[in-house]
């Protein structure tokens, strides 16, 4: 997994980097085949904004959140990303099991 952390009008301090990586471990426990993650932290006047673009096989997941504090916006971002990753995982598993033999009706011989 490659992690790109970028800051627009904000300096990425080691504390921010550690906070983002610690929050990402919670999200990554659901899906293990993540190719790369791009996280952009930006500041526009009074709005602190966090964006994430996660590349998994077959899909790109984009999530953004904003708030009055950078740590709050990162928390909101990770909550949204967690829900999206669970949704993707559930959808992928249901598609994979459609043609499985265990889901088909079997005729019992008499």
N, C-alpha and C. Protein backbone atom coordinates (compact mmCIF):
# COMPACT_ATOMS: atom_id res chain seq x y z
N UNK A 1 0.84 -1.17 0.00
CA UNK A 1 0.00 0.00 0.00
C UNK A 1 0.88 1.24 0.00
N UNK A 2 0.67 2.10 -0.97
CA UNK A 2 1.39 3.37 -1.04
C UNK A 2 0.50 4.47 -0.48
N UNK A 3 1.08 5.32 0.36
CA UNK A 3 0.35 6.43 0.95
C UNK A 3 0.99 7.73 0.51
N UNK A 4 0.19 8.59 -0.16
CA UNK A 4 0.62 9.92 -0.55
C UNK A 4 -0.13 10.92 0.30
N UNK A 5 0.58 11.73 1.05
CA UNK A 5 -0.04 12.74 1.91
C UNK A 5 0.41 14.10 1.43
N UNK A 6 -0.55 14.94 0.99
CA UNK A 6 -0.24 16.24 0.40
C UNK A 6 -0.96 17.32 1.18
N UNK A 7 -0.32 18.47 1.30
CA UNK A 7 -0.95 19.60 1.97
C UNK A 7 -1.01 20.81 1.06
N UNK A 8 -2.20 21.40 0.96
CA UNK A 8 -2.39 22.64 0.21
C UNK A 8 -2.62 23.76 1.22
N UNK A 9 -1.70 24.71 1.27
CA UNK A 9 -1.74 25.84 2.20
C UNK A 9 -1.66 25.38 3.65
N UNK A 10 -1.11 24.20 3.86
CA UNK A 10 -0.89 23.70 5.22
C UNK A 10 0.35 22.81 5.20
N UNK A 11 1.14 22.90 6.24
CA UNK A 11 2.34 22.08 6.34
C UNK A 11 1.98 20.75 7.00
N UNK A 12 2.45 19.68 6.40
CA UNK A 12 2.20 18.34 6.94
C UNK A 12 3.24 18.07 8.02
N UNK A 13 2.81 18.17 9.26
CA UNK A 13 3.70 17.93 10.38
C UNK A 13 3.75 16.43 10.68
N UNK A 14 4.76 15.99 11.40
CA UNK A 14 4.81 14.57 11.77
C UNK A 14 3.59 14.14 12.59
N UNK A 15 3.04 15.05 13.39
CA UNK A 15 1.84 14.72 14.17
C UNK A 15 0.65 14.45 13.26
N UNK A 16 0.47 15.29 12.24
CA UNK A 16 -0.62 15.07 11.28
C UNK A 16 -0.43 13.77 10.51
N UNK A 17 0.81 13.51 10.10
CA UNK A 17 1.11 12.28 9.35
C UNK A 17 0.82 11.05 10.21
N UNK A 18 1.24 11.08 11.47
CA UNK A 18 0.99 9.95 12.37
C UNK A 18 -0.51 9.76 12.62
N UNK A 19 -1.23 10.88 12.75
CA UNK A 19 -2.67 10.82 13.00
C UNK A 19 -3.41 10.18 11.82
N UNK A 20 -3.04 10.59 10.61
CA UNK A 20 -3.69 10.03 9.41
C UNK A 20 -3.37 8.55 9.27
N UNK A 21 -2.11 8.16 9.47
CA UNK A 21 -1.74 6.74 9.33
C UNK A 21 -2.39 5.88 10.40
N UNK A 22 -2.53 6.41 11.63
CA UNK A 22 -3.19 5.63 12.68
C UNK A 22 -4.68 5.45 12.38
N UNK A 23 -5.31 6.46 11.81
CA UNK A 23 -6.72 6.35 11.45
C UNK A 23 -6.91 5.41 10.25
N UNK A 24 -5.95 5.38 9.34
CA UNK A 24 -6.06 4.52 8.17
C UNK A 24 -5.95 3.04 8.53
N UNK A 25 -5.28 2.71 9.62
CA UNK A 25 -5.18 1.30 10.01
C UNK A 25 -6.56 0.73 10.35
N UNK A 26 -7.44 1.56 10.90
CA UNK A 26 -8.80 1.12 11.21
C UNK A 26 -9.56 0.81 9.93
N UNK A 27 -9.36 1.64 8.91
CA UNK A 27 -10.06 1.45 7.64
C UNK A 27 -9.48 0.26 6.88
N UNK A 28 -8.18 0.09 6.92
CA UNK A 28 -7.53 -0.95 6.12
C UNK A 28 -7.70 -2.35 6.68
N UNK A 29 -8.25 -2.50 7.88
CA UNK A 29 -8.47 -3.85 8.40
C UNK A 29 -9.62 -4.55 7.70
N UNK A 30 -10.48 -3.78 7.00
CA UNK A 30 -11.60 -4.37 6.27
C UNK A 30 -11.17 -4.91 4.91
N UNK A 31 -10.31 -4.17 4.23
CA UNK A 31 -9.90 -4.54 2.88
C UNK A 31 -8.38 -4.64 2.86
N UNK A 32 -7.85 -5.74 2.33
CA UNK A 32 -6.41 -5.95 2.36
C UNK A 32 -5.74 -5.74 1.01
N UNK A 33 -6.49 -5.51 -0.06
CA UNK A 33 -5.88 -5.40 -1.38
C UNK A 33 -5.93 -3.95 -1.90
N UNK A 34 -5.54 -2.99 -1.06
CA UNK A 34 -5.49 -1.59 -1.46
C UNK A 34 -4.18 -1.33 -2.19
N UNK A 35 -4.28 -0.70 -3.36
CA UNK A 35 -3.08 -0.43 -4.15
C UNK A 35 -2.40 0.84 -3.65
N UNK A 36 -3.14 1.95 -3.65
CA UNK A 36 -2.57 3.18 -3.11
C UNK A 36 -3.65 4.10 -2.60
N UNK A 37 -3.21 5.05 -1.74
CA UNK A 37 -4.12 6.03 -1.12
C UNK A 37 -3.49 7.40 -1.28
N UNK A 38 -4.28 8.35 -1.78
CA UNK A 38 -3.86 9.74 -1.87
C UNK A 38 -4.72 10.57 -0.93
N UNK A 39 -4.09 11.23 0.03
CA UNK A 39 -4.80 12.06 1.00
C UNK A 39 -4.33 13.50 0.80
N UNK A 40 -5.29 14.42 0.64
CA UNK A 40 -4.98 15.83 0.46
C UNK A 40 -5.62 16.61 1.60
N UNK A 41 -4.81 17.35 2.33
CA UNK A 41 -5.28 18.21 3.40
C UNK A 41 -5.13 19.65 2.94
N UNK A 42 -6.20 20.43 3.04
CA UNK A 42 -6.13 21.81 2.57
C UNK A 42 -6.86 22.75 3.52
N UNK A 43 -6.47 24.02 3.44
CA UNK A 43 -7.08 25.07 4.26
C UNK A 43 -7.54 26.18 3.33
N UNK A 44 -8.82 26.56 3.45
CA UNK A 44 -9.38 27.68 2.70
C UNK A 44 -10.10 28.59 3.69
N UNK A 45 -9.50 29.70 4.00
CA UNK A 45 -10.01 30.66 4.99
C UNK A 45 -10.31 29.94 6.30
N UNK A 46 -11.57 29.74 6.64
CA UNK A 46 -11.91 29.11 7.92
C UNK A 46 -12.30 27.65 7.77
N UNK A 47 -12.18 27.10 6.57
CA UNK A 47 -12.61 25.73 6.32
C UNK A 47 -11.39 24.82 6.17
N UNK A 48 -11.31 23.81 7.01
CA UNK A 48 -10.27 22.80 6.94
C UNK A 48 -10.85 21.61 6.17
N UNK A 49 -10.20 21.19 5.11
CA UNK A 49 -10.76 20.17 4.23
C UNK A 49 -9.79 19.00 4.10
N UNK A 50 -10.34 17.79 4.09
CA UNK A 50 -9.55 16.58 3.89
C UNK A 50 -10.21 15.75 2.79
N UNK A 51 -9.39 15.27 1.86
CA UNK A 51 -9.87 14.44 0.75
C UNK A 51 -9.02 13.18 0.69
N UNK A 52 -9.65 12.09 0.26
CA UNK A 52 -8.92 10.84 0.09
C UNK A 52 -9.39 10.15 -1.18
N UNK A 53 -8.44 9.62 -1.92
CA UNK A 53 -8.73 8.84 -3.12
C UNK A 53 -8.04 7.49 -2.93
N UNK A 54 -8.84 6.43 -2.82
CA UNK A 54 -8.32 5.09 -2.56
C UNK A 54 -8.48 4.26 -3.83
N UNK A 55 -7.39 3.66 -4.26
CA UNK A 55 -7.40 2.84 -5.47
C UNK A 55 -7.36 1.38 -5.05
N UNK A 56 -8.48 0.67 -5.27
CA UNK A 56 -8.56 -0.77 -5.04
C UNK A 56 -8.78 -1.43 -6.39
N UNK A 57 -8.47 -2.71 -6.54
CA UNK A 57 -8.68 -3.36 -7.84
C UNK A 57 -10.13 -3.27 -8.29
N UNK A 58 -10.32 -2.65 -9.44
CA UNK A 58 -11.66 -2.54 -10.01
C UNK A 58 -12.41 -1.27 -9.67
N UNK A 59 -11.89 -0.43 -8.78
CA UNK A 59 -12.64 0.75 -8.39
C UNK A 59 -11.74 1.78 -7.73
N UNK A 60 -12.07 3.06 -7.94
CA UNK A 60 -11.46 4.16 -7.21
C UNK A 60 -12.52 4.75 -6.30
N UNK A 61 -12.19 4.90 -5.02
CA UNK A 61 -13.13 5.44 -4.05
C UNK A 61 -12.64 6.82 -3.63
N UNK A 62 -13.50 7.84 -3.82
CA UNK A 62 -13.16 9.21 -3.47
C UNK A 62 -14.08 9.68 -2.35
N UNK A 63 -13.48 10.27 -1.31
CA UNK A 63 -14.24 10.77 -0.16
C UNK A 63 -13.65 12.11 0.24
N UNK A 64 -14.53 13.05 0.64
CA UNK A 64 -14.05 14.33 1.14
C UNK A 64 -14.87 14.74 2.35
N UNK A 65 -14.24 15.49 3.24
CA UNK A 65 -14.91 16.00 4.44
C UNK A 65 -14.27 17.31 4.82
N UNK A 66 -15.05 18.17 5.44
CA UNK A 66 -14.50 19.44 5.92
C UNK A 66 -15.06 19.75 7.30
N UNK A 67 -14.36 20.64 7.98
CA UNK A 67 -14.76 21.02 9.33
C UNK A 67 -14.00 22.24 9.77
N UNK A 68 -14.21 22.61 11.02
CA UNK A 68 -13.54 23.80 11.55
C UNK A 68 -12.13 23.49 12.04
N UNK A 69 -11.83 22.23 12.29
CA UNK A 69 -10.52 21.81 12.77
C UNK A 69 -10.01 20.69 11.86
N UNK A 70 -8.71 20.63 11.62
CA UNK A 70 -8.16 19.64 10.71
C UNK A 70 -8.35 18.22 11.26
N UNK A 71 -8.20 18.04 12.57
CA UNK A 71 -8.35 16.71 13.16
C UNK A 71 -9.80 16.23 13.08
N UNK A 72 -10.76 17.15 13.21
CA UNK A 72 -12.17 16.81 13.07
C UNK A 72 -12.47 16.40 11.64
N UNK A 73 -11.93 17.13 10.68
CA UNK A 73 -12.18 16.79 9.28
C UNK A 73 -11.53 15.45 8.92
N UNK A 74 -10.37 15.13 9.50
CA UNK A 74 -9.75 13.83 9.26
C UNK A 74 -10.60 12.72 9.86
N UNK A 75 -11.14 12.93 11.06
CA UNK A 75 -12.03 11.94 11.67
C UNK A 75 -13.26 11.69 10.82
N UNK A 76 -13.89 12.77 10.34
CA UNK A 76 -15.07 12.64 9.48
C UNK A 76 -14.72 11.92 8.18
N UNK A 77 -13.56 12.24 7.63
CA UNK A 77 -13.10 11.60 6.40
C UNK A 77 -12.93 10.09 6.60
N UNK A 78 -12.31 9.70 7.69
CA UNK A 78 -12.08 8.27 7.94
C UNK A 78 -13.38 7.53 8.21
N UNK A 79 -14.35 8.18 8.86
CA UNK A 79 -15.66 7.55 9.06
C UNK A 79 -16.35 7.30 7.72
N UNK A 80 -16.33 8.29 6.84
CA UNK A 80 -16.94 8.13 5.52
C UNK A 80 -16.21 7.07 4.70
N UNK A 81 -14.89 7.09 4.77
CA UNK A 81 -14.10 6.12 4.02
C UNK A 81 -14.34 4.70 4.53
N UNK A 82 -14.48 4.55 5.83
CA UNK A 82 -14.76 3.25 6.42
C UNK A 82 -16.09 2.70 5.90
N UNK A 83 -17.12 3.54 5.86
CA UNK A 83 -18.43 3.10 5.34
C UNK A 83 -18.34 2.72 3.87
N UNK A 84 -17.61 3.51 3.08
CA UNK A 84 -17.49 3.21 1.66
C UNK A 84 -16.72 1.91 1.41
N UNK A 85 -15.68 1.68 2.20
CA UNK A 85 -14.90 0.45 2.03
C UNK A 85 -15.72 -0.78 2.41
N UNK A 86 -16.52 -0.68 3.48
CA UNK A 86 -17.39 -1.79 3.85
C UNK A 86 -18.44 -2.05 2.78
N UNK A 87 -18.97 -0.98 2.20
CA UNK A 87 -19.96 -1.11 1.14
C UNK A 87 -19.34 -1.79 -0.08
N UNK A 88 -18.13 -1.39 -0.44
CA UNK A 88 -17.43 -1.99 -1.58
C UNK A 88 -17.13 -3.47 -1.31
N UNK A 89 -16.71 -3.78 -0.10
CA UNK A 89 -16.39 -5.16 0.25
C UNK A 89 -17.64 -6.04 0.19
N UNK A 90 -18.75 -5.54 0.73
CA UNK A 90 -19.99 -6.31 0.73
C UNK A 90 -20.49 -6.52 -0.69
N UNK A 91 -20.41 -5.48 -1.51
CA UNK A 91 -20.86 -5.59 -2.90
C UNK A 91 -19.98 -6.57 -3.68
N UNK A 92 -18.69 -6.52 -3.45
CA UNK A 92 -17.76 -7.41 -4.13
C UNK A 92 -18.00 -8.86 -3.73
N UNK A 93 -18.25 -9.11 -2.44
CA UNK A 93 -18.50 -10.47 -1.98
C UNK A 93 -19.81 -11.00 -2.54
N UNK A 94 -20.83 -10.17 -2.62
CA UNK A 94 -22.11 -10.64 -3.14
C UNK A 94 -22.00 -10.95 -4.63
N UNK A 95 -21.24 -10.18 -5.38
CA UNK A 95 -21.05 -10.45 -6.80
C UNK A 95 -20.25 -11.73 -7.02
N UNK A 96 -19.31 -11.99 -6.14
CA UNK A 96 -18.45 -13.15 -6.28
C UNK A 96 -19.21 -14.44 -5.97
N UNK A 97 -20.22 -14.37 -5.11
CA UNK A 97 -20.92 -15.58 -4.68
C UNK A 97 -22.21 -15.85 -5.45
N UNK A 98 -22.51 -15.08 -6.49
CA UNK A 98 -23.76 -15.27 -7.22
C UNK A 98 -23.81 -16.65 -7.87
N UNK A 99 -22.77 -17.07 -8.55
CA UNK A 99 -22.77 -18.33 -9.26
C UNK A 99 -22.23 -19.49 -8.45
N UNK A 100 -22.02 -19.32 -7.16
CA UNK A 100 -21.43 -20.37 -6.36
C UNK A 100 -22.39 -21.54 -6.21
N UNK A 101 -21.84 -22.74 -6.16
CA UNK A 101 -22.66 -23.94 -6.04
C UNK A 101 -23.40 -24.00 -4.70
N UNK A 102 -22.82 -23.42 -3.67
CA UNK A 102 -23.46 -23.49 -2.36
C UNK A 102 -24.73 -22.65 -2.29
N UNK A 103 -24.91 -21.71 -3.24
CA UNK A 103 -26.09 -20.88 -3.27
C UNK A 103 -27.16 -21.40 -4.22
N UNK A 104 -26.92 -22.50 -4.89
CA UNK A 104 -27.88 -23.03 -5.83
C UNK A 104 -28.68 -24.17 -5.18
N UNK A 105 -29.92 -24.31 -5.65
CA UNK A 105 -30.78 -25.38 -5.13
C UNK A 105 -30.32 -26.72 -5.72
N UNK A 106 -30.29 -27.72 -4.87
CA UNK A 106 -29.87 -29.05 -5.28
C UNK A 106 -31.08 -29.97 -5.21
N UNK A 107 -31.30 -30.73 -6.26
CA UNK A 107 -32.40 -31.70 -6.28
C UNK A 107 -31.98 -32.93 -5.50
N UNK A 108 -32.84 -33.35 -4.60
CA UNK A 108 -32.56 -34.53 -3.79
C UNK A 108 -33.08 -35.77 -4.51
N UNK A 109 -32.27 -36.81 -4.70
CA UNK A 109 -32.75 -38.05 -5.32
C UNK A 109 -33.72 -38.76 -4.37
N UNK A 110 -34.71 -39.43 -4.94
CA UNK A 110 -35.71 -40.11 -4.11
C UNK A 110 -35.45 -41.58 -4.03
